[in-house]
Amino acid sequence: MDPPLPFPQSLCHRCAAPPRYVRSPTAVFILCPLLPIKYPPQPVVQCALFRPKQAL
């Protein structure tokens, strides 16, 4: 079973550019493959590079 997503309201989880989740013993960071700031402050509610995932 996967752990719950950090910051569930963040746009990152719904973006077509798949984020990477970097876990430490005390925190989870969301790495963005598109932004110059690789670890944007969370939750991301606006992003110029956001593109929604395509429905399967």
C-alpha atoms as a PDB file:
ATOM      1  CA  MET A   1       0.000   0.000   0.000  1.00  0.00           C
ATOM      2  CA  ASP A   2       1.382   3.419  -0.985  1.00  0.00           C
ATOM      3  CA  PRO A   3       1.721   6.075   1.717  1.00  0.00           C
ATOM      4  CA  PRO A   4      -0.656   9.031   1.426  1.00  0.00           C
ATOM      5  CA  LEU A   5       0.461  11.835  -0.880  1.00  0.00           C
ATOM      6  CA  PRO A   6       2.043  14.834   0.821  1.00  0.00           C
ATOM      7  CA  PHE A   7       0.111  18.067   0.267  1.00  0.00           C
ATOM      8  CA  PRO A   8      -2.848  16.359  -1.459  1.00  0.00           C
ATOM      9  CA  GLN A   9      -4.180  19.708  -2.770  1.00  0.00           C
ATOM     10  CA  SER A  10      -0.947  20.425  -4.702  1.00  0.00           C
ATOM     11  CA  LEU A  11      -1.127  20.672  -8.507  1.00  0.00           C
ATOM     12  CA  CYS A  12       2.056  18.591  -8.722  1.00  0.00           C
ATOM     13  CA  HIS A  13       0.144  15.328  -8.232  1.00  0.00           C
ATOM     14  CA  ARG A  14      -2.074  16.060 -11.235  1.00  0.00           C
ATOM     15  CA  CYS A  15       0.658  17.314 -13.594  1.00  0.00           C
ATOM     16  CA  ALA A  16       1.603  15.523 -16.825  1.00  0.00           C
ATOM     17  CA  ALA A  17       5.298  15.948 -15.929  1.00  0.00           C
ATOM     18  CA  PRO A  18       5.506  13.280 -13.264  1.00  0.00           C
ATOM     19  CA  PRO A  19       6.947  14.567  -9.998  1.00  0.00           C
ATOM     20  CA  ARG A  20       9.412  12.539  -7.952  1.00  0.00           C
ATOM     21  CA  TYR A  21       8.830  12.070  -4.260  1.00  0.00           C
ATOM     22  CA  VAL A  22      12.015  12.321  -2.220  1.00  0.00           C
ATOM     23  CA  ARG A  23      11.568  10.932   1.270  1.00  0.00           C
ATOM     24  CA  SER A  24      13.748  11.488   4.289  1.00  0.00           C
ATOM     25  CA  PRO A  25      13.089  10.083   7.757  1.00  0.00           C
ATOM     26  CA  THR A  26      11.218  13.261   8.727  1.00  0.00           C
ATOM     27  CA  ALA A  27       9.905  14.838   5.499  1.00  0.00           C
ATOM     28  CA  VAL A  28       8.722  14.303   1.937  1.00  0.00           C
ATOM     29  CA  PHE A  29       9.776  16.645  -0.858  1.00  0.00           C
ATOM     30  CA  ILE A  30       8.184  16.888  -4.293  1.00  0.00           C
ATOM     31  CA  LEU A  31      10.784  17.270  -7.041  1.00  0.00           C
ATOM     32  CA  CYS A  32       9.558  18.992 -10.210  1.00  0.00           C
ATOM     33  CA  PRO A  33      11.308  17.981 -13.467  1.00  0.00           C
ATOM     34  CA  LEU A  34      10.287  21.259 -15.179  1.00  0.00           C
ATOM     35  CA  LEU A  35      10.874  24.144 -12.809  1.00  0.00           C
ATOM     36  CA  PRO A  36      14.221  25.839 -12.194  1.00  0.00           C
ATOM     37  CA  ILE A  37      13.390  25.532  -8.478  1.00  0.00           C
ATOM     38  CA  LYS A  38      13.443  21.741  -8.261  1.00  0.00           C
ATOM     39  CA  TYR A  39      11.627  21.625  -4.928  1.00  0.00           C
ATOM     40  CA  PRO A  40       8.873  24.269  -5.091  1.00  0.00           C
ATOM     41  CA  PRO A  41       7.260  25.409  -1.847  1.00  0.00           C
ATOM     42  CA  GLN A  42       4.195  23.301  -1.206  1.00  0.00           C
ATOM     43  CA  PRO A  43       1.329  23.227  -1.794  1.00  0.00           C
ATOM     44  CA  VAL A  44       1.585  24.456  -5.376  1.00  0.00           C
ATOM     45  CA  VAL A  45      -1.729  26.108  -6.289  1.00  0.00           C
ATOM     46  CA  GLN A  46      -0.552  27.951  -9.441  1.00  0.00           C
ATOM     47  CA  CYS A  47       2.129  26.968 -11.923  1.00  0.00           C
ATOM     48  CA  ALA A  48       2.842  28.403 -15.373  1.00  0.00           C
ATOM     49  CA  LEU A  49       4.166  25.017 -16.558  1.00  0.00           C
ATOM     50  CA  PHE A  50       1.274  22.911 -15.233  1.00  0.00           C
ATOM     51  CA  ARG A  51      -0.324  20.613 -17.808  1.00  0.00           C
ATOM     52  CA  PRO A  52      -3.005  18.206 -16.591  1.00  0.00           C
ATOM     53  CA  LYS A  53      -2.467  14.475 -16.982  1.00  0.00           C
ATOM     54  CA  GLN A  54      -4.422  12.914 -19.809  1.00  0.00           C
ATOM     55  CA  ALA A  55      -7.313  10.713 -18.738  1.00  0.00           C
ATOM     56  CA  LEU A  56      -6.740   7.024 -19.401  1.00  0.00           C
END
